[in-house]
Amino acid sequence: MPKKRGHQRSSGIRSRTARAELFVSVSHIEHLLRKGHYAQRLSSSAPVFLAAIIQDLMSKVLELAGNEAQKSGETHITPKLLDMAIHNNALLSSIFGMTTISLVAPGPH
């Protein structure tokens, strides 16, 4: 009988991110909320809800940036395309009105 490879989790133990079917880490969001001292108390569902909102917003922005890339004939999403996508959408433009997206890519360290 061949040996099983890889990490085996005990049955039933899943992360909060997996249970919520999200890609954005719920634990990381909770850590940032606690570190920022935004409230004295934090419910267990608050980081899950915030992670879902961040994921939804991120998917919308990437979808719009992908559409901008197709319109301009490019194959990659660049900061310039992200900026165009946000500022061409009325709702996102009002949310990110004072935000500047750097058009300079970070160099090698």
N, C-alpha and C. Protein backbone atom coordinates (compact mmCIF):
# COMPACT_ATOMS: atom_id res chain seq x y z
N MET A 1 0.84 -1.18 0.00
CA MET A 1 0.00 0.00 0.00
C MET A 1 0.88 1.25 0.00
N PRO A 2 0.70 2.15 -0.97
CA PRO A 2 1.56 3.33 -1.05
C PRO A 2 1.27 4.32 0.08
N LYS A 3 2.31 5.04 0.46
CA LYS A 3 2.15 6.05 1.50
C LYS A 3 1.45 7.27 0.93
N LYS A 4 0.66 7.93 1.75
CA LYS A 4 -0.01 9.16 1.33
C LYS A 4 0.94 10.32 1.57
N ARG A 5 1.03 11.20 0.58
CA ARG A 5 1.90 12.35 0.70
C ARG A 5 1.10 13.59 1.03
N GLY A 6 1.79 14.59 1.51
CA GLY A 6 1.13 15.86 1.79
C GLY A 6 0.60 15.91 3.20
N HIS A 7 0.17 17.09 3.56
CA HIS A 7 -0.35 17.33 4.90
C HIS A 7 -1.79 16.84 5.00
N GLN A 8 -2.08 16.05 5.99
CA GLN A 8 -3.43 15.54 6.21
C GLN A 8 -4.06 16.30 7.38
N ARG A 9 -5.18 16.96 7.11
CA ARG A 9 -5.89 17.65 8.18
C ARG A 9 -6.88 16.70 8.82
N SER A 10 -7.08 16.85 10.11
CA SER A 10 -8.09 16.03 10.75
C SER A 10 -9.46 16.48 10.24
N SER A 11 -10.37 15.57 10.18
CA SER A 11 -11.67 15.85 9.55
C SER A 11 -12.42 16.94 10.31
N GLY A 12 -13.01 17.83 9.55
CA GLY A 12 -13.87 18.86 10.14
C GLY A 12 -13.18 20.16 10.50
N ILE A 13 -11.86 20.20 10.53
CA ILE A 13 -11.17 21.43 10.90
C ILE A 13 -10.88 22.22 9.63
N ARG A 14 -11.52 23.38 9.52
CA ARG A 14 -11.32 24.25 8.37
C ARG A 14 -11.14 25.67 8.87
N SER A 15 -10.38 26.44 8.13
CA SER A 15 -10.16 27.83 8.51
C SER A 15 -11.44 28.64 8.31
N ARG A 16 -11.49 29.79 8.95
CA ARG A 16 -12.66 30.67 8.77
C ARG A 16 -12.75 31.16 7.34
N THR A 17 -11.62 31.35 6.70
CA THR A 17 -11.60 31.78 5.31
C THR A 17 -12.22 30.69 4.42
N ALA A 18 -11.87 29.44 4.66
CA ALA A 18 -12.42 28.34 3.87
C ALA A 18 -13.91 28.16 4.15
N ARG A 19 -14.31 28.27 5.41
CA ARG A 19 -15.73 28.12 5.75
C ARG A 19 -16.57 29.22 5.11
N ALA A 20 -16.02 30.42 5.00
CA ALA A 20 -16.75 31.53 4.38
C ALA A 20 -16.59 31.53 2.87
N GLU A 21 -15.79 30.59 2.33
CA GLU A 21 -15.53 30.48 0.91
C GLU A 21 -14.98 31.78 0.33
N LEU A 22 -13.96 32.32 1.01
CA LEU A 22 -13.33 33.56 0.60
C LEU A 22 -11.88 33.30 0.20
N PHE A 23 -11.28 34.25 -0.50
CA PHE A 23 -9.86 34.20 -0.83
C PHE A 23 -9.07 35.14 0.07
N VAL A 24 -9.71 36.16 0.59
CA VAL A 24 -9.06 37.12 1.48
C VAL A 24 -9.02 36.52 2.89
N SER A 25 -7.87 36.54 3.52
CA SER A 25 -7.69 35.90 4.81
C SER A 25 -8.48 36.60 5.92
N VAL A 26 -9.39 35.85 6.54
CA VAL A 26 -10.19 36.39 7.64
C VAL A 26 -9.31 36.63 8.86
N SER A 27 -8.38 35.74 9.12
CA SER A 27 -7.49 35.90 10.28
C SER A 27 -6.61 37.13 10.14
N HIS A 28 -6.15 37.40 8.93
CA HIS A 28 -5.32 38.59 8.71
C HIS A 28 -6.13 39.87 8.90
N ILE A 29 -7.36 39.88 8.42
CA ILE A 29 -8.24 41.04 8.61
C ILE A 29 -8.50 41.25 10.10
N GLU A 30 -8.75 40.15 10.82
CA GLU A 30 -9.00 40.28 12.27
C GLU A 30 -7.76 40.83 12.98
N HIS A 31 -6.59 40.35 12.59
CA HIS A 31 -5.34 40.85 13.19
C HIS A 31 -5.20 42.36 12.97
N LEU A 32 -5.48 42.80 11.74
CA LEU A 32 -5.36 44.22 11.43
C LEU A 32 -6.40 45.05 12.19
N LEU A 33 -7.61 44.52 12.34
CA LEU A 33 -8.65 45.24 13.08
C LEU A 33 -8.27 45.38 14.56
N ARG A 34 -7.74 44.30 15.13
CA ARG A 34 -7.34 44.35 16.55
C ARG A 34 -6.12 45.25 16.74
N LYS A 35 -5.17 45.18 15.82
CA LYS A 35 -3.95 45.98 15.90
C LYS A 35 -4.26 47.47 15.78
N GLY A 36 -5.26 47.81 14.99
CA GLY A 36 -5.60 49.21 14.76
C GLY A 36 -6.42 49.85 15.86
N HIS A 37 -6.91 49.07 16.82
CA HIS A 37 -7.71 49.57 17.93
C HIS A 37 -8.89 50.42 17.44
N TYR A 38 -9.64 49.89 16.47
CA TYR A 38 -10.77 50.62 15.92
C TYR A 38 -11.98 50.56 16.85
N ALA A 39 -12.02 49.57 17.71
CA ALA A 39 -13.13 49.43 18.65
C ALA A 39 -12.63 48.70 19.90
N GLN A 40 -13.35 48.88 21.00
CA GLN A 40 -12.96 48.18 22.23
C GLN A 40 -13.25 46.69 22.13
N ARG A 41 -14.36 46.36 21.46
CA ARG A 41 -14.74 44.96 21.31
C ARG A 41 -14.97 44.66 19.83
N LEU A 42 -14.73 43.42 19.46
CA LEU A 42 -14.83 43.01 18.06
C LEU A 42 -15.60 41.69 18.00
N SER A 43 -16.71 41.68 17.27
CA SER A 43 -17.48 40.44 17.16
C SER A 43 -16.74 39.45 16.27
N SER A 44 -17.10 38.19 16.37
CA SER A 44 -16.42 37.16 15.58
C SER A 44 -16.79 37.23 14.11
N SER A 45 -17.93 37.85 13.80
CA SER A 45 -18.36 37.92 12.41
C SER A 45 -17.85 39.17 11.69
N ALA A 46 -17.34 40.16 12.41
CA ALA A 46 -16.88 41.41 11.79
C ALA A 46 -15.74 41.19 10.80
N PRO A 47 -14.69 40.44 11.14
CA PRO A 47 -13.62 40.24 10.15
C PRO A 47 -14.07 39.42 8.95
N VAL A 48 -15.02 38.52 9.13
CA VAL A 48 -15.54 37.73 8.01
C VAL A 48 -16.29 38.65 7.06
N PHE A 49 -17.13 39.52 7.60
CA PHE A 49 -17.90 40.45 6.79
C PHE A 49 -16.98 41.42 6.05
N LEU A 50 -15.98 41.96 6.74
CA LEU A 50 -15.05 42.89 6.12
C LEU A 50 -14.22 42.21 5.04
N ALA A 51 -13.79 40.98 5.28
CA ALA A 51 -13.04 40.23 4.26
C ALA A 51 -13.89 40.00 3.02
N ALA A 52 -15.18 39.72 3.20
CA ALA A 52 -16.08 39.52 2.06
C ALA A 52 -16.25 40.82 1.27
N ILE A 53 -16.35 41.94 1.97
CA ILE A 53 -16.48 43.24 1.30
C ILE A 53 -15.21 43.56 0.52
N ILE A 54 -14.05 43.33 1.12
CA ILE A 54 -12.78 43.61 0.45
C ILE A 54 -12.63 42.73 -0.78
N GLN A 55 -13.00 41.46 -0.67
CA GLN A 55 -12.90 40.55 -1.81
C GLN A 55 -13.84 40.99 -2.94
N ASP A 56 -15.05 41.40 -2.60
CA ASP A 56 -16.00 41.84 -3.61
C ASP A 56 -15.51 43.10 -4.32
N LEU A 57 -15.00 44.05 -3.54
CA LEU A 57 -14.47 45.29 -4.11
C LEU A 57 -13.27 45.00 -5.00
N MET A 58 -12.40 44.12 -4.54
CA MET A 58 -11.21 43.76 -5.31
C MET A 58 -11.59 43.09 -6.63
N SER A 59 -12.58 42.21 -6.60
CA SER A 59 -12.98 41.53 -7.84
C SER A 59 -13.61 42.51 -8.83
N LYS A 60 -14.36 43.49 -8.33
CA LYS A 60 -14.98 44.48 -9.20
C LYS A 60 -13.90 45.35 -9.86
N VAL A 61 -12.94 45.79 -9.08
CA VAL A 61 -11.87 46.64 -9.63
C VAL A 61 -11.06 45.86 -10.66
N LEU A 62 -10.74 44.59 -10.37
CA LEU A 62 -9.96 43.80 -11.32
C LEU A 62 -10.75 43.50 -12.59
N GLU A 63 -12.06 43.31 -12.45
CA GLU A 63 -12.89 43.09 -13.63
C GLU A 63 -12.89 44.33 -14.53
N LEU A 64 -13.07 45.49 -13.93
CA LEU A 64 -13.06 46.73 -14.70
C LEU A 64 -11.69 47.00 -15.33
N ALA A 65 -10.63 46.69 -14.60
CA ALA A 65 -9.28 46.88 -15.14
C ALA A 65 -9.02 45.91 -16.29
N GLY A 66 -9.55 44.70 -16.18
CA GLY A 66 -9.42 43.74 -17.27
C GLY A 66 -10.15 44.20 -18.52
N ASN A 67 -11.32 44.81 -18.32
CA ASN A 67 -12.06 45.37 -19.45
C ASN A 67 -11.28 46.51 -20.10
N GLU A 68 -10.66 47.35 -19.28
CA GLU A 68 -9.84 48.44 -19.82
C GLU A 68 -8.64 47.89 -20.59
N ALA A 69 -8.05 46.81 -20.09
CA ALA A 69 -6.91 46.19 -20.77
C ALA A 69 -7.33 45.65 -22.14
N GLN A 70 -8.51 45.03 -22.20
CA GLN A 70 -9.00 44.52 -23.49
C GLN A 70 -9.27 45.65 -24.47
N LYS A 71 -9.86 46.75 -23.96
CA LYS A 71 -10.14 47.90 -24.83
C LYS A 71 -8.87 48.48 -25.43
N SER A 72 -7.83 48.54 -24.62
CA SER A 72 -6.58 49.15 -25.09
C SER A 72 -5.66 48.14 -25.76
N GLY A 73 -6.07 46.88 -25.84
CA GLY A 73 -5.28 45.87 -26.52
C GLY A 73 -4.08 45.37 -25.73
N GLU A 74 -4.09 45.54 -24.43
CA GLU A 74 -2.98 45.08 -23.61
C GLU A 74 -3.29 43.72 -23.01
N THR A 75 -2.24 42.99 -22.64
CA THR A 75 -2.43 41.65 -22.07
C THR A 75 -2.23 41.61 -20.57
N HIS A 76 -1.72 42.68 -19.99
CA HIS A 76 -1.47 42.73 -18.55
C HIS A 76 -2.21 43.91 -17.93
N ILE A 77 -2.62 43.73 -16.69
CA ILE A 77 -3.24 44.83 -15.94
C ILE A 77 -2.12 45.63 -15.29
N THR A 78 -2.05 46.89 -15.62
CA THR A 78 -1.00 47.78 -15.09
C THR A 78 -1.63 48.77 -14.11
N PRO A 79 -0.81 49.46 -13.31
CA PRO A 79 -1.36 50.48 -12.43
C PRO A 79 -2.14 51.56 -13.17
N LYS A 80 -1.68 51.88 -14.38
CA LYS A 80 -2.39 52.89 -15.18
C LYS A 80 -3.80 52.41 -15.52
N LEU A 81 -3.94 51.13 -15.87
CA LEU A 81 -5.26 50.57 -16.19
C LEU A 81 -6.15 50.51 -14.95
N LEU A 82 -5.56 50.20 -13.81
CA LEU A 82 -6.32 50.21 -12.55
C LEU A 82 -6.85 51.61 -12.27
N ASP A 83 -5.99 52.60 -12.45
CA ASP A 83 -6.39 53.99 -12.23
C ASP A 83 -7.51 54.40 -13.18
N MET A 84 -7.39 54.03 -14.45
CA MET A 84 -8.43 54.36 -15.43
C MET A 84 -9.74 53.67 -15.07
N ALA A 85 -9.68 52.41 -14.66
CA ALA A 85 -10.88 51.65 -14.33
C ALA A 85 -11.61 52.28 -13.15
N ILE A 86 -10.86 52.69 -12.14
CA ILE A 86 -11.48 53.27 -10.94
C ILE A 86 -12.08 54.63 -11.27
N HIS A 87 -11.37 55.45 -12.01
CA HIS A 87 -11.86 56.81 -12.27
C HIS A 87 -12.93 56.87 -13.36
N ASN A 88 -13.08 55.82 -14.16
CA ASN A 88 -14.14 55.78 -15.16
C ASN A 88 -15.45 55.22 -14.60
N ASN A 89 -15.42 54.67 -13.39
CA ASN A 89 -16.61 54.14 -12.75
C ASN A 89 -17.09 55.16 -11.71
N ALA A 90 -18.36 55.56 -11.80
CA ALA A 90 -18.86 56.63 -10.92
C ALA A 90 -18.80 56.25 -9.45
N LEU A 91 -19.22 55.03 -9.10
CA LEU A 91 -19.24 54.62 -7.70
C LEU A 91 -17.82 54.49 -7.13
N LEU A 92 -16.97 53.81 -7.87
CA LEU A 92 -15.59 53.64 -7.40
C LEU A 92 -14.84 54.96 -7.38
N SER A 93 -15.16 55.84 -8.31
CA SER A 93 -14.51 57.15 -8.35
C SER A 93 -14.86 57.96 -7.10
N SER A 94 -16.10 57.83 -6.64
CA SER A 94 -16.47 58.56 -5.42
C SER A 94 -15.81 57.95 -4.18
N ILE A 95 -15.63 56.62 -4.17
CA ILE A 95 -14.99 55.97 -3.03
C ILE A 95 -13.50 56.30 -2.99
N PHE A 96 -12.84 56.20 -4.16
CA PHE A 96 -11.40 56.41 -4.24
C PHE A 96 -11.06 57.78 -4.81
N GLY A 97 -11.89 58.77 -4.57
CA GLY A 97 -11.72 60.08 -5.16
C GLY A 97 -10.38 60.73 -4.90
N MET A 98 -9.89 60.65 -3.69
CA MET A 98 -8.64 61.32 -3.33
C MET A 98 -7.45 60.36 -3.34
N THR A 99 -7.62 59.16 -3.89
CA THR A 99 -6.57 58.16 -3.88
C THR A 99 -5.71 58.27 -5.13
N THR A 100 -4.41 58.18 -4.95
CA THR A 100 -3.49 58.17 -6.07
C THR A 100 -2.88 56.79 -6.17
N ILE A 101 -2.98 56.19 -7.34
CA ILE A 101 -2.35 54.90 -7.58
C ILE A 101 -1.03 55.17 -8.26
N SER A 102 0.04 54.70 -7.67
CA SER A 102 1.38 54.96 -8.21
C SER A 102 1.52 54.36 -9.59
N LEU A 103 2.00 55.15 -10.52
CA LEU A 103 2.24 54.68 -11.87
C LEU A 103 3.66 54.20 -12.07
N VAL A 104 4.44 54.22 -11.00
CA VAL A 104 5.83 53.77 -11.04
C VAL A 104 5.91 52.40 -10.40
N ALA A 105 6.37 51.43 -11.14
CA ALA A 105 6.51 50.08 -10.60
C ALA A 105 7.70 50.05 -9.65
N PRO A 106 7.59 49.28 -8.56
CA PRO A 106 8.71 49.18 -7.64
C PRO A 106 9.88 48.48 -8.29
N GLY A 107 11.07 48.99 -8.04
CA GLY A 107 12.28 48.41 -8.63
C GLY A 107 12.80 47.26 -7.80
N PRO A 108 13.79 46.53 -8.32
CA PRO A 108 14.39 45.41 -7.55
C PRO A 108 15.18 45.96 -6.37
N HIS A 109 15.18 45.21 -5.31
CA HIS A 109 15.88 45.65 -4.08
C HIS A 109 17.25 45.05 -4.01
